[in-house]
Amino acid sequence: MKSFSLLTPILAVSVLSPGTFALAQDAPANVPVADALVKATTIRCKATFSVMGKEGKATPFFDVVLSVEKPGRFRVDATPLNSNDGKPKAASFYMSDGKKQYEYNSLIERYRIEDAPKPGERYMSQLAAMAGLRRILFPGQPAAKGVQRTISEAQIDGKQLILATDNEMERTTKDGKKLVSYTRVWFDPDTKLPVRSLEGMVLDGADMPNLLLEYKDWSFDAPLPPKTFVWTKPVNAKAESVGLAIGTPAPDFKAVGADGKVVRLSDLKGKIVILDFWATWCGPCQRSMPHLEKVYRRVKDQGVTVLALCVWDEKSEYDKWIATRKATFTFPTAFDTGGRANSIASKLYEVTGIPTQYVIDKDGKVAAVFVGYEEGKPALENALRALKVDVDSKNVATAKP
């Protein structure tokens, strides 16, 4: 399943830390459910999607508007707030009219159309996750398998809120540190509406927040504009391609490595290369990285390497990511200085959504390409097996994520 790549204004953000919250005693592990979300025929709200840097500082990336008309119509609009060239950017959007789902990426002027998602099916666009669409359409959903949920009380900006924390299973980094990825969602105790959500990790007790979403300006049962769920192809938009064809020579490029030195794809010729396109603000990208790390440790001594190329991002955010994650992830990374308009991903590799991974063989040709990340799907492993790489050995000492 493919995923989209995009982000919103930020409200006054308190620095979030584990010590901020007082745990509620004997609280049931269920999320508050707002009557308005259940009963309303139409729902509309605005939100801010931001990237959290060091010391809890949030940088806004997208203004988000979410519109819902039950039973099966929804729309997420995301307007970029930052651009390398300083020019305002048009909004990207993801919508469903109940029969089809449509996605338009304004950053690269590409669109795609598929059948509307069925109940329980993953949304084809990352915009859905950015806006927290599932928690709006299906409030009160139980925690995912293997995730521990706790309910606590939180006071932010003088207001008492309800906090639901979902902690994934603990992992161990290469240097023995304990890592737990989390999602935290704050709810208004009166309306039961979500106020904000935060994705991040706790590394050996240190809280490292990453992606912040803040909701505001809710309205219910108000008429929505007639064109809200009507698909019209944006001017100059082109249908999405599926990446470079198998067997195509992988285009060479230059990027900036984590150490500041120039990195060239051609320098890796003779090795199998896993070329991973990602961004610091991309939730699915961050969730895919423990898997990429695990695979890398299994194959790095077999003539296989990784080049995780940060694209459509800010250099300052990449530098912060490197500083906080270098103990967790050991695969090589680099930064694409082309910005959004002239990125390696868009111009050379026809990337329309991230994460996208290319597997490049020893002759420098494309052997496989896949977009998005699904937990437990062995697409990368299968592509490496086809190139005679052993990804199944039980004797790899460094294979622990």
Protein backbone atom coordinates (compact mmCIF):
# COMPACT_ATOMS: atom_id res chain seq x y z
CA MET A 1 0.00 0.00 0.00
CA LYS A 2 1.40 3.40 -0.91
CA SER A 3 1.62 6.30 1.48
CA PHE A 4 1.66 10.01 0.91
CA SER A 5 4.15 12.58 2.03
CA LEU A 6 3.12 15.88 3.51
CA LEU A 7 2.12 18.51 7.03
CA THR A 8 0.30 22.53 9.90
CA PRO A 9 -0.07 26.42 12.44
CA ILE A 10 1.05 25.58 15.86
CA LEU A 11 -0.65 26.59 19.04
CA ALA A 12 1.40 27.44 22.12
CA VAL A 13 3.09 24.13 22.86
CA SER A 14 4.23 23.14 26.31
CA VAL A 15 7.40 21.08 26.55
CA LEU A 16 6.15 17.54 27.04
CA SER A 17 7.93 15.19 29.41
CA PRO A 18 7.00 12.05 31.36
CA GLY A 19 6.99 14.00 34.62
CA THR A 20 4.25 16.33 33.40
CA PHE A 21 1.46 13.81 33.91
CA ALA A 22 -0.09 12.38 37.05
CA LEU A 23 -1.35 8.84 36.48
CA ALA A 24 -4.99 8.24 37.30
CA GLN A 25 -5.40 5.40 39.77
CA ASP A 26 -7.19 2.28 38.49
CA ALA A 27 -8.17 4.04 35.27
CA PRO A 28 -9.71 1.76 32.62
CA ALA A 29 -7.61 1.57 29.44
CA ASN A 30 -10.30 2.85 27.11
CA VAL A 31 -10.27 6.09 25.12
CA PRO A 32 -12.93 8.77 25.70
CA VAL A 33 -15.62 8.85 23.01
CA ALA A 34 -17.18 12.16 22.03
CA ASP A 35 -20.94 12.01 21.46
CA ALA A 36 -20.54 14.64 18.74
CA LEU A 37 -18.22 12.39 16.72
CA VAL A 38 -20.69 9.52 16.97
CA LYS A 39 -23.95 11.39 16.34
CA ALA A 40 -23.03 14.21 13.96
CA THR A 41 -23.77 13.83 10.24
CA THR A 42 -21.06 16.30 9.24
CA ILE A 43 -17.80 17.08 11.04
CA ARG A 44 -15.26 19.77 10.28
CA CYS A 45 -12.14 20.87 12.13
CA LYS A 46 -8.76 22.45 11.62
CA ALA A 47 -5.43 21.18 12.86
CA THR A 48 -1.72 21.91 12.96
CA PHE A 49 0.88 19.32 12.02
CA SER A 50 4.36 20.06 13.41
CA VAL A 51 7.71 18.39 13.85
CA MET A 52 9.10 18.35 17.38
CA GLY A 53 12.79 19.17 17.65
CA LYS A 54 15.18 18.97 20.56
CA GLU A 55 14.06 20.45 23.88
CA GLY A 56 10.40 20.16 22.88
CA LYS A 57 10.44 22.90 20.24
CA ALA A 58 7.76 22.44 17.59
CA THR A 59 8.14 23.54 13.96
CA PRO A 60 4.84 23.80 12.05
CA PHE A 61 4.81 22.17 8.61
CA PHE A 62 1.18 22.00 7.45
CA ASP A 63 -2.19 23.64 8.02
CA VAL A 64 -4.77 20.84 7.95
CA VAL A 65 -8.53 20.98 7.39
CA LEU A 66 -10.57 17.81 7.95
CA SER A 67 -14.12 17.45 6.57
CA VAL A 68 -16.41 14.44 7.07
CA GLU A 69 -19.89 13.63 5.80
CA LYS A 70 -21.25 10.30 6.98
CA PRO A 71 -21.47 7.55 6.10
CA GLY A 72 -18.55 7.39 3.68
CA ARG A 73 -17.28 10.78 2.54
CA PHE A 74 -14.23 12.57 3.93
CA ARG A 75 -11.54 15.02 2.90
CA VAL A 76 -8.17 16.12 4.30
CA ASP A 77 -6.54 19.30 2.96
CA ALA A 78 -2.92 20.06 3.93
CA THR A 79 -1.28 23.37 3.07
CA PRO A 80 2.55 23.51 3.41
CA LEU A 81 3.82 26.28 5.66
CA ASN A 82 7.50 26.01 4.72
CA SER A 83 9.17 25.96 1.33
CA ASN A 84 12.80 26.17 0.28
CA ASP A 85 12.12 28.82 -2.36
CA GLY A 86 9.99 30.97 -0.04
CA LYS A 87 6.97 30.83 -2.36
CA PRO A 88 3.52 29.81 -1.07
CA LYS A 89 2.49 26.26 -1.97
CA ALA A 90 -0.93 24.95 -2.95
CA ALA A 91 -2.71 22.51 -0.67
CA SER A 92 -2.41 18.78 -1.14
CA PHE A 93 -5.51 16.74 -0.40
CA TYR A 94 -6.91 13.26 0.15
CA MET A 95 -10.64 12.59 -0.22
CA SER A 96 -13.27 9.94 -0.77
CA ASP A 97 -16.71 10.45 -2.28
CA GLY A 98 -17.79 7.03 -1.01
CA LYS A 99 -17.04 5.30 -4.31
CA LYS A 100 -13.48 6.36 -5.09
CA GLN A 101 -10.57 7.78 -3.12
CA TYR A 102 -8.41 10.53 -4.58
CA GLU A 103 -4.99 11.82 -3.58
CA TYR A 104 -3.19 14.92 -4.89
CA ASN A 105 0.36 15.85 -3.91
CA SER A 106 0.86 19.54 -4.66
CA LEU A 107 4.60 19.34 -3.95
CA ILE A 108 5.16 17.24 -7.07
CA GLU A 109 1.83 17.85 -8.87
CA ARG A 110 0.85 14.17 -9.01
CA TYR A 111 -2.49 12.48 -8.33
CA ARG A 112 -3.93 8.98 -8.14
CA ILE A 113 -7.37 7.40 -7.91
CA GLU A 114 -8.44 4.08 -6.41
CA ASP A 115 -11.64 2.46 -5.15
CA ALA A 116 -12.90 3.84 -1.85
CA PRO A 117 -11.40 2.12 1.22
CA LYS A 118 -13.45 -0.66 2.73
CA PRO A 119 -14.12 -0.81 6.51
CA GLY A 120 -10.90 -1.76 8.28
CA GLU A 121 -8.78 -1.26 5.16
CA ARG A 122 -5.70 0.95 5.33
CA TYR A 123 -6.05 4.40 3.79
CA MET A 124 -3.89 4.89 0.73
CA SER A 125 -2.68 8.34 1.81
CA GLN A 126 -0.41 9.40 4.64
CA LEU A 127 -2.61 12.47 4.96
CA ALA A 128 -5.15 10.28 6.72
CA ALA A 129 -2.66 9.51 9.50
CA MET A 130 -1.45 13.11 9.62
CA ALA A 131 -4.99 14.30 10.34
CA GLY A 132 -5.84 11.44 12.70
CA LEU A 133 -8.69 10.53 10.38
CA ARG A 134 -9.31 7.09 11.88
CA ARG A 135 -9.76 8.43 15.41
CA ILE A 136 -12.34 10.91 14.06
CA LEU A 137 -14.29 8.41 11.96
CA PHE A 138 -14.02 5.56 14.48
CA PRO A 139 -13.68 7.05 17.98
CA GLY A 140 -12.84 4.77 20.88
CA GLN A 141 -10.90 2.17 18.89
CA PRO A 142 -9.03 -0.38 21.06
CA ALA A 143 -5.24 -0.47 21.16
CA ALA A 144 -3.49 -2.41 18.40
CA LYS A 145 -2.20 -5.91 19.08
CA GLY A 146 1.00 -5.82 21.11
CA VAL A 147 0.44 -2.21 22.21
CA GLN A 148 -0.03 -1.33 25.88
CA ARG A 149 -2.53 1.47 26.53
CA THR A 150 -2.75 3.51 29.71
CA ILE A 151 -5.11 6.33 30.67
CA SER A 152 -3.83 9.23 32.77
CA GLU A 153 -4.58 12.83 33.64
CA ALA A 154 -2.64 15.74 32.16
CA GLN A 155 -2.64 19.45 32.86
CA ILE A 156 -1.56 21.57 29.90
CA ASP A 157 -1.74 25.37 29.84
CA GLY A 158 -3.79 25.22 33.04
CA LYS A 159 -6.47 22.90 31.67
CA GLN A 160 -7.03 19.37 32.94
CA LEU A 161 -7.09 16.82 30.10
CA ILE A 162 -7.36 13.06 29.69
CA LEU A 163 -4.27 11.42 28.20
CA ALA A 164 -4.30 8.07 26.39
CA THR A 165 -0.81 6.64 25.87
CA ASP A 166 -0.14 3.71 23.52
CA ASN A 167 3.31 2.17 24.06
CA GLU A 168 4.69 -0.29 21.53
CA MET A 169 6.79 -3.27 22.62
CA GLU A 170 10.20 -2.37 24.03
CA ARG A 171 13.21 -2.75 21.74
CA THR A 172 16.95 -2.69 22.43
CA THR A 173 19.39 -0.53 20.46
CA LYS A 174 22.83 -1.74 19.33
CA ASP A 175 24.43 -0.15 22.39
CA GLY A 176 22.01 -1.79 24.82
CA LYS A 177 19.62 1.11 25.39
CA LYS A 178 15.90 0.49 25.90
CA LEU A 179 13.61 2.09 23.33
CA VAL A 180 9.81 2.36 23.35
CA SER A 181 7.85 4.11 20.59
CA TYR A 182 4.62 5.77 21.67
CA THR A 183 1.53 7.68 20.58
CA ARG A 184 -0.09 10.05 23.07
CA VAL A 185 -3.54 11.57 22.54
CA TRP A 186 -5.02 14.25 24.80
CA PHE A 187 -8.81 14.58 25.15
CA ASP A 188 -10.99 17.35 26.54
CA PRO A 189 -12.71 15.86 29.63
CA ASP A 190 -15.95 17.75 28.92
CA THR A 191 -16.43 17.25 25.17
CA LYS A 192 -14.28 14.07 24.90
CA LEU A 193 -12.88 15.52 21.66
CA PRO A 194 -9.18 14.98 20.87
CA VAL A 195 -7.11 18.08 21.53
CA ARG A 196 -3.68 16.96 20.35
CA SER A 197 -1.64 13.87 19.56
CA LEU A 198 2.07 13.23 19.71
CA GLU A 199 4.29 10.48 18.28
CA GLY A 200 7.76 9.85 19.62
CA MET A 201 9.97 7.49 21.57
CA VAL A 202 11.46 7.05 25.02
CA LEU A 203 15.14 6.06 24.89
CA ASP A 204 16.57 4.90 28.22
CA GLY A 205 14.06 7.10 30.03
CA ALA A 206 14.66 10.18 27.84
CA ASP A 207 11.53 11.44 26.08
CA MET A 208 12.07 12.24 22.36
CA PRO A 209 8.84 13.65 20.87
CA ASN A 210 8.66 13.70 17.08
CA LEU A 211 5.33 14.50 15.36
CA LEU A 212 2.68 16.77 16.88
CA LEU A 213 -0.93 17.28 15.72
CA GLU A 214 -3.20 19.89 17.36
CA TYR A 215 -6.95 20.19 16.72
CA LYS A 216 -9.08 23.34 16.87
CA ASP A 217 -12.27 24.98 15.52
CA TRP A 218 -14.61 21.98 15.62
CA SER A 219 -18.06 22.22 14.03
CA PHE A 220 -20.81 19.59 13.77
CA ASP A 221 -23.88 19.16 11.56
CA ALA A 222 -23.06 22.31 9.62
CA PRO A 223 -23.52 22.23 5.82
CA LEU A 224 -20.27 21.63 3.95
CA PRO A 225 -19.42 23.41 0.68
CA PRO A 226 -20.99 21.53 -2.28
CA LYS A 227 -17.58 20.92 -3.93
CA THR A 228 -15.99 19.38 -0.83
CA PHE A 229 -16.23 15.81 -2.11
CA VAL A 230 -16.20 16.50 -5.86
CA TRP A 231 -13.01 15.43 -7.64
CA THR A 232 -11.57 17.93 -10.11
CA LYS A 233 -8.09 17.32 -11.48
CA PRO A 234 -5.83 20.22 -10.45
CA VAL A 235 -4.28 22.24 -13.25
CA ASN A 236 -0.92 20.78 -14.41
CA ALA A 237 -1.40 17.65 -12.29
CA LYS A 238 -0.20 14.36 -13.77
CA ALA A 239 -1.24 10.82 -12.93
CA GLU A 240 1.07 9.13 -10.47
CA SER A 241 3.76 6.86 -11.89
CA VAL A 242 4.89 3.70 -10.15
CA GLY A 243 8.59 4.52 -10.04
CA LEU A 244 11.41 3.50 -12.35
CA ALA A 245 10.96 0.26 -14.26
CA ILE A 246 12.76 -2.88 -13.12
CA GLY A 247 16.07 -3.17 -14.96
CA THR A 248 16.42 0.59 -15.42
CA PRO A 249 19.90 1.93 -14.55
CA ALA A 250 19.58 3.76 -11.23
CA PRO A 251 20.34 7.47 -11.83
CA ASP A 252 23.46 8.73 -10.10
CA PHE A 253 23.19 11.65 -7.67
CA LYS A 254 25.06 13.63 -5.05
CA ALA A 255 23.80 14.24 -1.52
CA VAL A 256 25.24 15.39 1.81
CA GLY A 257 26.15 12.64 4.25
CA ALA A 258 25.64 12.79 8.01
CA ASP A 259 29.30 13.81 8.36
CA GLY A 260 28.89 16.68 5.89
CA LYS A 261 30.80 14.94 3.08
CA VAL A 262 29.46 14.37 -0.43
CA VAL A 263 27.77 11.01 -0.99
CA ARG A 264 27.38 9.61 -4.52
CA LEU A 265 25.31 6.60 -5.48
CA SER A 266 27.98 5.65 -8.03
CA ASP A 267 30.49 5.20 -5.20
CA LEU A 268 28.42 2.19 -4.08
CA LYS A 269 28.48 0.37 -7.44
CA GLY A 270 29.38 -3.27 -6.96
CA LYS A 271 27.18 -3.48 -3.89
CA ILE A 272 23.47 -4.12 -3.55
CA VAL A 273 21.96 -0.83 -2.36
CA ILE A 274 18.74 -0.34 -0.42
CA LEU A 275 17.89 3.26 -1.32
CA ASP A 276 15.33 4.49 1.21
CA PHE A 277 13.53 7.83 0.66
CA TRP A 278 12.22 9.30 3.94
CA ALA A 279 11.64 12.51 5.93
CA THR A 280 11.90 13.47 9.58
CA TRP A 281 8.22 14.42 9.71
CA CYS A 282 6.93 11.30 7.95
CA GLY A 283 5.29 8.99 10.52
CA PRO A 284 5.33 5.82 8.36
CA CYS A 285 9.00 6.52 7.56
CA GLN A 286 9.88 6.60 11.25
CA ARG A 287 7.86 3.46 11.94
CA SER A 288 9.64 1.61 9.13
CA MET A 289 13.14 2.37 10.35
CA PRO A 290 13.47 -0.30 13.08
CA HIS A 291 12.68 -2.86 10.38
CA LEU A 292 15.22 -1.32 8.00
CA GLU A 293 17.82 -1.37 10.79
CA LYS A 294 17.13 -5.04 11.51
CA VAL A 295 17.52 -5.98 7.85
CA TYR A 296 20.67 -3.87 7.50
CA ARG A 297 22.39 -5.62 10.40
CA ARG A 298 21.60 -8.98 8.85
CA VAL A 299 22.94 -8.19 5.38
CA LYS A 300 25.63 -5.52 5.71
CA ASP A 301 28.43 -8.14 5.64
CA GLN A 302 27.08 -9.67 2.42
CA GLY A 303 27.90 -6.86 0.00
CA VAL A 304 24.67 -5.00 0.80
CA THR A 305 24.37 -1.45 2.09
CA VAL A 306 21.67 1.09 2.85
CA LEU A 307 21.48 4.73 1.83
CA ALA A 308 18.58 6.36 3.64
CA LEU A 309 18.06 9.64 1.79
CA CYS A 310 16.15 12.36 3.64
CA VAL A 311 14.03 14.26 1.10
CA TRP A 312 11.41 17.05 1.05
CA ASP A 313 12.75 18.24 4.39
CA GLU A 314 14.76 20.95 6.13
CA LYS A 315 18.50 20.42 6.72
CA SER A 316 18.17 21.63 10.33
CA GLU A 317 15.53 18.97 11.03
CA TYR A 318 17.72 16.27 9.46
CA ASP A 319 20.67 17.36 11.62
CA LYS A 320 18.49 17.18 14.75
CA TRP A 321 17.27 13.72 13.74
CA ILE A 322 20.83 12.49 13.29
CA ALA A 323 21.85 13.89 16.68
CA THR A 324 19.04 12.13 18.54
CA ARG A 325 18.80 8.86 16.57
CA LYS A 326 22.43 7.99 15.78
CA ALA A 327 22.57 5.54 18.70
CA THR A 328 19.40 3.81 17.50
CA PHE A 329 19.96 3.49 13.76
CA THR A 330 23.33 2.54 12.27
CA PHE A 331 22.51 2.46 8.55
CA PRO A 332 24.08 5.26 6.43
CA THR A 333 21.97 8.35 5.79
CA ALA A 334 22.25 11.45 3.62
CA PHE A 335 20.33 14.67 2.95
CA ASP A 336 18.90 15.79 -0.40
CA THR A 337 19.60 19.52 -0.78
CA GLY A 338 17.21 19.86 -3.74
CA GLY A 339 14.28 20.79 -1.51
CA ARG A 340 10.79 19.87 -2.65
CA ALA A 341 10.82 21.25 -6.18
CA ASN A 342 14.14 19.75 -7.33
CA SER A 343 14.52 16.69 -5.15
CA ILE A 344 16.37 13.55 -6.17
CA ALA A 345 13.25 11.60 -5.23
CA SER A 346 10.93 13.50 -7.57
CA LYS A 347 13.21 14.41 -10.46
CA LEU A 348 15.25 11.23 -10.80
CA TYR A 349 13.32 8.41 -9.11
CA GLU A 350 9.66 9.34 -9.74
CA VAL A 351 8.87 9.13 -6.04
CA THR A 352 5.39 10.38 -5.21
CA GLY A 353 4.99 9.10 -1.64
CA ILE A 354 7.28 8.16 1.20
CA PRO A 355 8.63 5.95 2.50
CA THR A 356 9.74 4.55 -0.85
CA GLN A 357 12.48 1.95 -1.11
CA TYR A 358 14.44 0.94 -4.18
CA VAL A 359 16.63 -2.14 -4.24
CA ILE A 360 19.52 -1.60 -6.68
CA ASP A 361 21.57 -4.59 -7.79
CA LYS A 362 25.38 -4.85 -8.03
CA ASP A 363 25.27 -3.65 -11.65
CA GLY A 364 23.51 -0.46 -10.61
CA LYS A 365 20.10 -1.42 -11.99
CA VAL A 366 16.69 -1.24 -10.30
CA ALA A 367 15.79 -4.69 -8.95
CA ALA A 368 12.69 -3.74 -6.92
CA VAL A 369 10.68 -0.73 -5.76
CA PHE A 370 7.91 -0.45 -3.18
CA VAL A 371 6.08 2.42 -1.56
CA GLY A 372 4.77 2.69 2.00
CA TYR A 373 5.32 0.48 5.01
CA GLU A 374 3.18 -2.28 6.50
CA GLU A 375 4.30 -4.02 9.67
CA GLY A 376 5.18 -7.65 9.01
CA LYS A 377 5.22 -7.44 5.20
CA PRO A 378 8.49 -9.00 3.89
CA ALA A 379 8.72 -7.04 0.61
CA LEU A 380 12.29 -5.91 1.27
CA GLU A 381 13.43 -9.34 2.42
CA ASN A 382 11.89 -11.00 -0.63
CA ALA A 383 13.64 -8.56 -2.97
CA LEU A 384 16.97 -9.32 -1.31
CA ARG A 385 16.36 -13.08 -1.42
CA ALA A 386 15.83 -12.77 -5.18
CA LEU A 387 19.38 -11.35 -5.35
CA LYS A 388 20.72 -14.35 -3.39
CA VAL A 389 21.15 -12.46 -0.12
CA ASP A 390 20.76 -14.44 3.11
CA VAL A 391 18.22 -12.55 5.23
CA ASP A 392 17.14 -15.59 7.25
CA SER A 393 20.32 -16.58 9.07
CA LYS A 394 19.81 -17.23 12.77
CA ASN A 395 23.50 -16.69 13.50
CA VAL A 396 23.64 -12.92 12.99
CA ALA A 397 24.76 -11.55 16.34
CA THR A 398 23.71 -7.98 15.59
CA ALA A 399 20.24 -8.73 14.29
CA LYS A 400 18.38 -7.44 17.35
CA PRO A 401 16.54 -4.16 16.54
